[in-house]
Structures are given as C-alpha cells and as structure tokens.
Amino acid sequence: METLAKKIENLKVEKNAVVLAHYYQVPEIQDIADYVGDSLGLSQQAAKTKADMIVFAGVHFMAETAKILSPEKKVVLPDMNAGCSLADGCPPSQFADFLKSYPDHLVISYINCSAAIKTMSDVIVTSGNAVQIVESFPKDQKIIFAPDRNLGGYINRITGRNMVLWDGSCEVHDILTTEAVVNLKMKYPDARLIAHPECKAQLLELADYIGSTTALLKFTRTDSAKKYIVATESGILHKMQLDSPEKQFYVVPSDETCSCNDCPYMKLNTLEKLYLSMKNERPEIVLDPITIEKARIPIEKMLRLSELAGLIK
C-alpha cells in the first residue's frame, strides 16, 4: 500500500504542484516539502517555479502572500482554519478607524498580517529586515507599525524611534516568560539564549542573539556554542537538529505542563490534510484582483528598500 508521502509525491507530478512548509510545521510535513522556510521566502520561491498549484503548509496570511506574488497560480491551504493570532488581532475595519487618528503617518506593517491590512500599508517588512527598512526613512518621519507591538517595540528600542504601535501580538511568542528562561538557564548554564523579536521586551533583554526564524537557524549553524535555549515555536527545532546534529536545543516552554511551545494554528495542518488539499485542490485561497494589486505594492516597496539597504544582492 502506498504511503501518504508517496501519494503526495505522485500528486506533485500529476498536478504540477509545489509544496511549501513553514519551519513551524510538523517534521513529516517539512520532510515532504519542496521548500522549507519563512513565509515571504517561501512565497518568493514558489513564484519562481513553473508550478500550476502552490500547496502552502502554513497559516492563512502566508497562503495569501503566495497568491499575491503568484496570482496566476492556484494556491491551496491544507486547513482553512489555520489562522494566526497576530493577523486575526488586527481586523481591517478597526485598523482603518485607527489610521484616521494618524493621517500624517507612514504605515509600516509586518508581513504577518492579512491581505486587507497589506492594502492599507505603505511598506511591508519582515522580522529580518524591519530595522533596516525603518531606518531607511528620516528620523522625523511619523510611523505607524502594525500589527505586532513586541516587534515594533524592539525596533523602537534599536532605532530610537517612537513609532505608534498597533496593540497586537503573537500568542506563541507573547506567552513566553523570563521565569521559564531563567529556569532553563539554571538547568543549562552553558546554553545560549536565542529569541525571536516577537517575544516580550523583558525576555529579549536576556537574549544572547535576537533574530528572525531564518536568522536563528543560521546563527545555530555558524555559532560555536553547543547548547541553545530557543525562544520561538517548537517546529524550528527539527531543522536546527538536522543542520547541527552535534548540538542540543531546548525550546522555552509555553507552560509548566510540557517542554514545548507549539502554535495551535500551524499544527492544524497534517500530512493527511495536505494530501487531500492537493488531491481535491481545495480549500483554495481566492483574492480579488484589486486586493492583489494593492497588497503587492507595499511588498514590492519592501523589496526595493531591501535592495538599496544591501539586504538583497
């Protein structure tokens, strides 16, 4: 009997499909994917392919970004309920009202937002390029940053800015505590703490290194330490362990009941759901042409600014 993995491989050929998996997906999905990475990087990879269908094992806003960058391709998401607390915490109607109070502000939005929020933004950023892109604007430029207050606060501290922050957060990162970090530090005193900037300020103050998911992964590959305390979603440990089998990784737990920190939305995707979404070509991400056009503009502006800043060569 054919395994699900084999059936998925066969469907890739039959449907001319490409499978994308975010680092936070379960290991068996990461292992079957054509590309594993961060959300924007995955969408960019898919756009370069000649695939007819993109199967995005991630969350809803990521699949939307793939559709924005590849409007001619069919994009499916294994589970349409795979949302995001950060994206969902910034409803378009409320954000539109919020913007009315700051009519002279530039709107910079983290890519972890809905397509609708992207259409209201002047430029999009990732956690990897946010500081440099904010710094590309004059110091006296008034800025709104949405939707992550923790990432926005981190950028404010690094740059000395005073951006107006939308009050949103990622529940996976916001829940992590300094107490949990200290407990792990006591247990593994020679381990380095690496953290995603979506974590709270108090936790980031303890970190030896702060960076995007991709940056954290690269750091553990090139850094000399042998042990790491990881303040982000548990799924990244699979890739970290594959890349550095001689090293040890300990994720900061979300509570006292387990040694994990899983995103409940990311983990809605399963190998079976991925197979069914490929087979049935649904649930499909559908965006109207106007939304795609408007949402693409701030993404393209980010790419131009990144190139000028030397982040893209």
Protein backbone atom coordinates (compact mmCIF):
# COMPACT_ATOMS: atom_id res chain seq x y z
CA MET A 1 0.00 0.00 0.00
CA GLU A 2 1.30 3.46 -0.92
CA THR A 3 2.23 5.70 1.96
CA LEU A 4 0.77 9.20 2.20
CA ALA A 5 4.22 10.60 1.48
CA LYS A 6 4.44 8.59 -1.74
CA LYS A 7 0.91 9.66 -2.76
CA ILE A 8 1.88 13.29 -2.21
CA GLU A 9 5.00 12.86 -4.34
CA ASN A 10 2.86 11.38 -7.12
CA LEU A 11 0.37 14.25 -6.89
CA LYS A 12 3.18 16.80 -7.16
CA VAL A 13 3.91 15.42 -10.62
CA GLU A 14 0.29 14.85 -11.65
CA LYS A 15 -0.86 18.33 -10.58
CA ASN A 16 2.41 20.16 -11.34
CA ALA A 17 2.32 21.32 -7.74
CA VAL A 18 4.92 22.72 -5.37
CA VAL A 19 4.66 22.08 -1.61
CA LEU A 20 5.79 24.81 0.78
CA ALA A 21 6.27 24.23 4.50
CA HIS A 22 6.95 26.81 7.16
CA TYR A 23 9.57 25.99 9.79
CA TYR A 24 6.79 25.62 12.37
CA GLN A 25 5.14 22.67 10.59
CA VAL A 26 5.38 19.14 11.98
CA PRO A 27 8.54 17.25 10.89
CA GLU A 28 6.76 14.89 8.48
CA ILE A 29 5.39 17.87 6.53
CA GLN A 30 8.77 19.61 6.49
CA ASP A 31 10.36 16.41 5.18
CA ILE A 32 7.92 16.09 2.26
CA ALA A 33 8.05 19.76 1.22
CA ASP A 34 9.87 21.09 -1.82
CA TYR A 35 10.84 24.20 0.14
CA VAL A 36 11.03 24.81 3.89
CA GLY A 37 11.46 28.34 5.20
CA ASP A 38 9.95 31.62 6.39
CA SER A 39 6.69 32.88 4.92
CA LEU A 40 7.94 35.51 2.46
CA GLY A 41 10.89 33.43 1.30
CA LEU A 42 8.58 30.51 0.55
CA SER A 43 6.22 32.67 -1.48
CA GLN A 44 9.16 34.09 -3.43
CA GLN A 45 10.47 30.58 -4.13
CA ALA A 46 7.06 29.44 -5.36
CA ALA A 47 6.76 32.48 -7.63
CA LYS A 48 9.98 31.47 -9.38
CA THR A 49 8.68 27.97 -10.19
CA LYS A 50 6.60 26.89 -13.17
CA ALA A 51 4.15 25.10 -10.89
CA ASP A 52 0.42 25.40 -11.58
CA MET A 53 -0.52 24.90 -7.93
CA ILE A 54 1.02 26.01 -4.64
CA VAL A 55 0.23 23.91 -1.57
CA PHE A 56 1.14 26.08 1.41
CA ALA A 57 1.57 24.20 4.68
CA GLY A 58 1.48 27.24 6.91
CA VAL A 59 -1.22 29.68 8.01
CA HIS A 60 -3.77 31.76 6.12
CA PHE A 61 -1.87 35.04 5.75
CA MET A 62 1.12 33.14 4.33
CA ALA A 63 -1.00 31.48 1.67
CA GLU A 64 -2.48 34.89 0.86
CA THR A 65 1.03 36.27 0.33
CA ALA A 66 1.77 33.38 -2.03
CA LYS A 67 -1.36 34.27 -4.01
CA ILE A 68 -0.38 37.95 -4.11
CA LEU A 69 3.03 37.09 -5.55
CA SER A 70 1.68 34.35 -7.86
CA PRO A 71 -1.83 35.45 -8.89
CA GLU A 72 -1.78 33.14 -11.90
CA LYS A 73 -1.24 30.05 -9.75
CA LYS A 74 -3.83 28.15 -7.72
CA VAL A 75 -3.00 28.34 -4.02
CA VAL A 76 -4.42 25.85 -1.52
CA LEU A 77 -4.10 25.65 2.26
CA PRO A 78 -4.45 22.22 3.92
CA ASP A 79 -6.70 23.63 6.67
CA MET A 80 -8.53 26.93 6.13
CA ASN A 81 -8.86 27.27 9.92
CA ALA A 82 -5.09 27.66 10.19
CA GLY A 83 -5.19 31.33 11.09
CA CYS A 84 -2.84 33.49 13.14
CA SER A 85 -3.48 35.32 16.40
CA LEU A 86 -1.35 38.21 15.19
CA ALA A 87 -3.08 38.61 11.84
CA ASP A 88 -6.54 37.96 13.30
CA GLY A 89 -5.88 40.51 16.06
CA CYS A 90 -5.83 43.33 13.52
CA PRO A 91 -9.32 43.46 11.94
CA PRO A 92 -9.31 45.61 8.76
CA SER A 93 -12.29 47.79 9.81
CA GLN A 94 -10.75 48.57 13.21
CA PHE A 95 -7.36 49.25 11.65
CA ALA A 96 -8.93 51.63 9.12
CA ASP A 97 -10.51 53.58 12.01
CA PHE A 98 -7.16 53.55 13.86
CA LEU A 99 -5.40 55.08 10.85
CA LYS A 100 -7.84 58.01 10.79
CA SER A 101 -6.30 59.25 14.04
CA TYR A 102 -2.85 59.44 12.42
CA PRO A 103 -3.42 60.88 8.93
CA ASP A 104 0.18 62.12 8.51
CA HIS A 105 1.83 58.80 9.45
CA LEU A 106 3.57 56.30 7.19
CA VAL A 107 2.10 52.82 7.67
CA ILE A 108 4.62 50.00 8.04
CA SER A 109 3.14 46.55 8.54
CA TYR A 110 4.80 43.29 9.47
CA ILE A 111 4.21 40.64 6.82
CA ASN A 112 2.29 38.62 9.44
CA CYS A 113 -0.94 40.40 8.57
CA SER A 114 -3.90 39.82 6.28
CA ALA A 115 -4.05 40.84 2.63
CA ALA A 116 -6.56 43.54 3.62
CA ILE A 117 -4.08 45.11 6.07
CA LYS A 118 -1.38 44.97 3.40
CA THR A 119 -3.59 47.06 1.11
CA MET A 120 -3.68 49.78 3.79
CA SER A 121 0.09 49.78 4.25
CA ASP A 122 2.82 51.87 2.64
CA VAL A 123 5.51 49.23 3.09
CA ILE A 124 5.70 45.68 4.41
CA VAL A 125 8.59 44.35 6.49
CA THR A 126 9.79 41.00 7.79
CA SER A 127 11.41 40.39 11.15
CA GLY A 128 14.69 40.05 9.26
CA ASN A 129 14.63 43.42 7.51
CA ALA A 130 12.34 45.56 9.69
CA VAL A 131 15.08 47.53 11.48
CA GLN A 132 16.92 48.40 8.26
CA ILE A 133 13.75 49.41 6.43
CA VAL A 134 12.53 51.61 9.30
CA GLU A 135 15.99 53.21 9.38
CA SER A 136 15.76 53.98 5.66
CA PHE A 137 13.21 56.69 6.50
CA PRO A 138 14.13 60.07 8.04
CA LYS A 139 14.24 60.21 11.83
CA ASP A 140 11.40 62.74 11.87
CA GLN A 141 9.13 60.53 9.74
CA LYS A 142 5.99 59.71 11.71
CA ILE A 143 5.30 55.97 11.52
CA ILE A 144 2.57 53.54 12.50
CA PHE A 145 3.79 49.98 12.97
CA ALA A 146 1.37 47.07 12.90
CA PRO A 147 0.31 44.54 13.99
CA ASP A 148 2.97 43.28 16.46
CA ARG A 149 3.63 45.54 19.44
CA ASN A 150 6.59 43.42 20.60
CA LEU A 151 8.40 43.60 17.27
CA GLY A 152 7.50 47.28 16.98
CA GLY A 153 8.81 47.95 20.48
CA TYR A 154 12.03 46.11 19.69
CA ILE A 155 12.51 48.28 16.57
CA ASN A 156 11.79 51.44 18.59
CA ARG A 157 14.48 50.50 21.13
CA ILE A 158 17.05 49.61 18.47
CA THR A 159 16.44 52.71 16.34
CA GLY A 160 15.50 55.27 18.98
CA ARG A 161 12.20 55.83 17.16
CA ASN A 162 8.79 56.43 18.64
CA MET A 163 6.57 54.59 16.19
CA VAL A 164 2.89 54.34 17.05
CA LEU A 165 2.19 50.66 17.68
CA TRP A 166 -0.96 48.67 16.99
CA ASP A 167 -1.67 46.62 20.11
CA GLY A 168 -1.32 43.09 18.72
CA SER A 169 0.88 40.12 19.49
CA CYS A 170 1.69 36.55 18.51
CA GLU A 171 0.28 34.31 21.23
CA VAL A 172 3.08 31.78 20.71
CA HIS A 173 5.83 34.31 21.45
CA ASP A 174 3.98 36.67 23.79
CA ILE A 175 3.25 33.85 26.23
CA LEU A 176 6.93 33.05 26.86
CA THR A 177 8.18 34.28 30.24
CA THR A 178 11.51 35.30 31.71
CA GLU A 179 10.81 32.82 34.52
CA ALA A 180 10.76 29.94 32.03
CA VAL A 181 14.02 31.20 30.53
CA VAL A 182 15.71 31.55 33.91
CA ASN A 183 14.67 28.00 34.85
CA LEU A 184 16.28 26.67 31.68
CA LYS A 185 19.37 28.83 32.23
CA MET A 186 19.79 27.31 35.68
CA LYS A 187 19.47 23.83 34.22
CA TYR A 188 21.76 24.52 31.23
CA PRO A 189 24.11 27.34 32.31
CA ASP A 190 26.35 26.94 29.25
CA ALA A 191 23.45 27.29 26.78
CA ARG A 192 22.95 30.49 24.79
CA LEU A 193 19.51 32.07 24.64
CA ILE A 194 18.31 32.89 21.12
CA ALA A 195 14.97 34.65 20.69
CA HIS A 196 12.54 35.89 18.07
CA PRO A 197 11.78 39.64 18.29
CA GLU A 198 8.06 38.87 18.65
CA CYS A 199 8.87 37.96 22.28
CA LYS A 200 8.31 40.42 25.12
CA ALA A 201 10.96 43.05 25.87
CA GLN A 202 11.89 41.53 29.26
CA LEU A 203 12.75 38.22 27.62
CA LEU A 204 14.67 39.86 24.76
CA GLU A 205 16.86 41.66 27.31
CA LEU A 206 18.18 38.25 28.41
CA ALA A 207 18.91 37.01 24.89
CA ASP A 208 22.38 36.36 23.51
CA TYR A 209 21.01 36.68 19.98
CA ILE A 210 17.76 38.07 18.55
CA GLY A 211 16.63 37.34 15.01
CA SER A 212 14.04 36.08 12.56
CA THR A 213 13.37 32.35 12.31
CA THR A 214 15.81 32.06 9.41
CA ALA A 215 18.40 34.16 11.25
CA LEU A 216 18.10 32.00 14.37
CA LEU A 217 18.63 28.90 12.27
CA LYS A 218 21.70 30.38 10.58
CA PHE A 219 23.10 31.50 13.93
CA THR A 220 22.93 27.99 15.39
CA ARG A 221 24.73 26.63 12.32
CA THR A 222 27.61 29.08 12.49
CA ASP A 223 27.91 29.85 16.21
CA SER A 224 30.46 27.99 18.33
CA ALA A 225 28.16 27.08 21.24
CA LYS A 226 26.90 23.51 21.63
CA LYS A 227 23.68 24.21 23.53
CA TYR A 228 20.86 26.66 22.84
CA ILE A 229 17.73 27.78 24.63
CA VAL A 230 15.29 28.66 21.85
CA ALA A 231 12.56 31.25 22.40
CA THR A 232 10.27 30.65 19.44
CA GLU A 233 7.91 27.97 18.10
CA SER A 234 8.94 24.33 18.65
CA GLY A 235 8.80 23.39 14.97
CA ILE A 236 12.13 25.10 14.23
CA LEU A 237 13.98 22.53 16.35
CA HIS A 238 13.53 19.89 13.62
CA LYS A 239 15.56 21.90 11.11
CA MET A 240 18.06 23.04 13.75
CA GLN A 241 18.73 19.45 14.74
CA LEU A 242 19.05 18.34 11.11
CA ASP A 243 21.56 21.11 10.38
CA SER A 244 23.52 20.71 13.63
CA PRO A 245 23.12 17.12 14.87
CA GLU A 246 26.01 17.54 17.29
CA LYS A 247 24.27 20.37 19.14
CA GLN A 248 21.48 20.40 21.73
CA PHE A 249 18.38 22.58 21.65
CA TYR A 250 15.87 23.36 24.39
CA VAL A 251 12.72 25.27 23.50
CA VAL A 252 11.33 27.74 26.05
CA PRO A 253 8.07 26.08 27.16
CA SER A 254 4.74 27.86 26.97
CA ASP A 255 3.70 26.46 30.34
CA GLU A 256 4.79 24.05 33.06
CA THR A 257 2.98 21.04 31.61
CA CYS A 258 5.32 20.39 28.69
CA SER A 259 8.72 21.19 27.20
CA CYS A 260 7.18 22.61 24.03
CA ASN A 261 5.78 25.80 22.54
CA ASP A 262 3.51 24.87 19.66
CA CYS A 263 1.42 27.20 17.52
CA PRO A 264 -2.07 25.65 17.55
CA TYR A 265 -2.82 27.09 14.10
CA MET A 266 0.35 25.79 12.45
CA LYS A 267 -0.26 22.38 13.93
CA LEU A 268 -3.76 22.15 12.39
CA ASN A 269 -2.04 21.08 9.18
CA THR A 270 -1.39 17.35 8.93
CA LEU A 271 0.07 15.11 6.25
CA GLU A 272 -3.42 13.74 5.53
CA LYS A 273 -4.92 17.22 5.15
CA LEU A 274 -2.04 18.19 2.89
CA TYR A 275 -2.68 15.15 0.69
CA LEU A 276 -6.43 15.85 0.49
CA SER A 277 -5.88 19.52 -0.34
CA MET A 278 -3.61 18.51 -3.23
CA LYS A 279 -5.98 15.82 -4.44
CA ASN A 280 -9.13 17.97 -4.28
CA GLU A 281 -7.38 21.31 -5.00
CA ARG A 282 -9.11 22.95 -2.08
CA PRO A 283 -9.58 24.80 0.18
CA GLU A 284 -8.38 27.45 -2.25
CA ILE A 285 -7.15 30.94 -1.42
CA VAL A 286 -9.15 33.41 -3.52
CA LEU A 287 -8.36 37.12 -3.63
CA ASP A 288 -9.91 39.68 -5.93
CA PRO A 289 -7.58 41.35 -8.47
CA ILE A 290 -7.80 44.79 -6.81
CA THR A 291 -6.72 43.39 -3.43
CA ILE A 292 -3.84 41.52 -5.08
CA GLU A 293 -2.69 44.65 -6.89
CA LYS A 294 -2.93 46.92 -3.83
CA ALA A 295 -1.30 44.38 -1.47
CA ARG A 296 1.56 43.76 -3.86
CA ILE A 297 2.64 47.43 -3.92
CA PRO A 298 3.97 47.61 -0.30
CA ILE A 299 5.65 44.21 -0.68
CA GLU A 300 7.47 45.38 -3.80
CA LYS A 301 8.45 48.58 -1.98
CA MET A 302 9.97 46.45 0.78
CA LEU A 303 11.99 44.51 -1.78
CA ARG A 304 13.28 47.74 -3.38
CA LEU A 305 14.25 49.21 0.01
CA SER A 306 15.90 45.92 0.99
CA GLU A 307 17.97 46.02 -2.17
CA LEU A 308 19.02 49.61 -1.51
CA ALA A 309 19.98 48.63 2.06
CA GLY A 310 22.13 45.81 0.71
CA LEU A 311 19.91 43.12 2.20
CA ILE A 312 19.24 41.68 -1.27
CA LYS A 313 22.16 41.16 -3.62
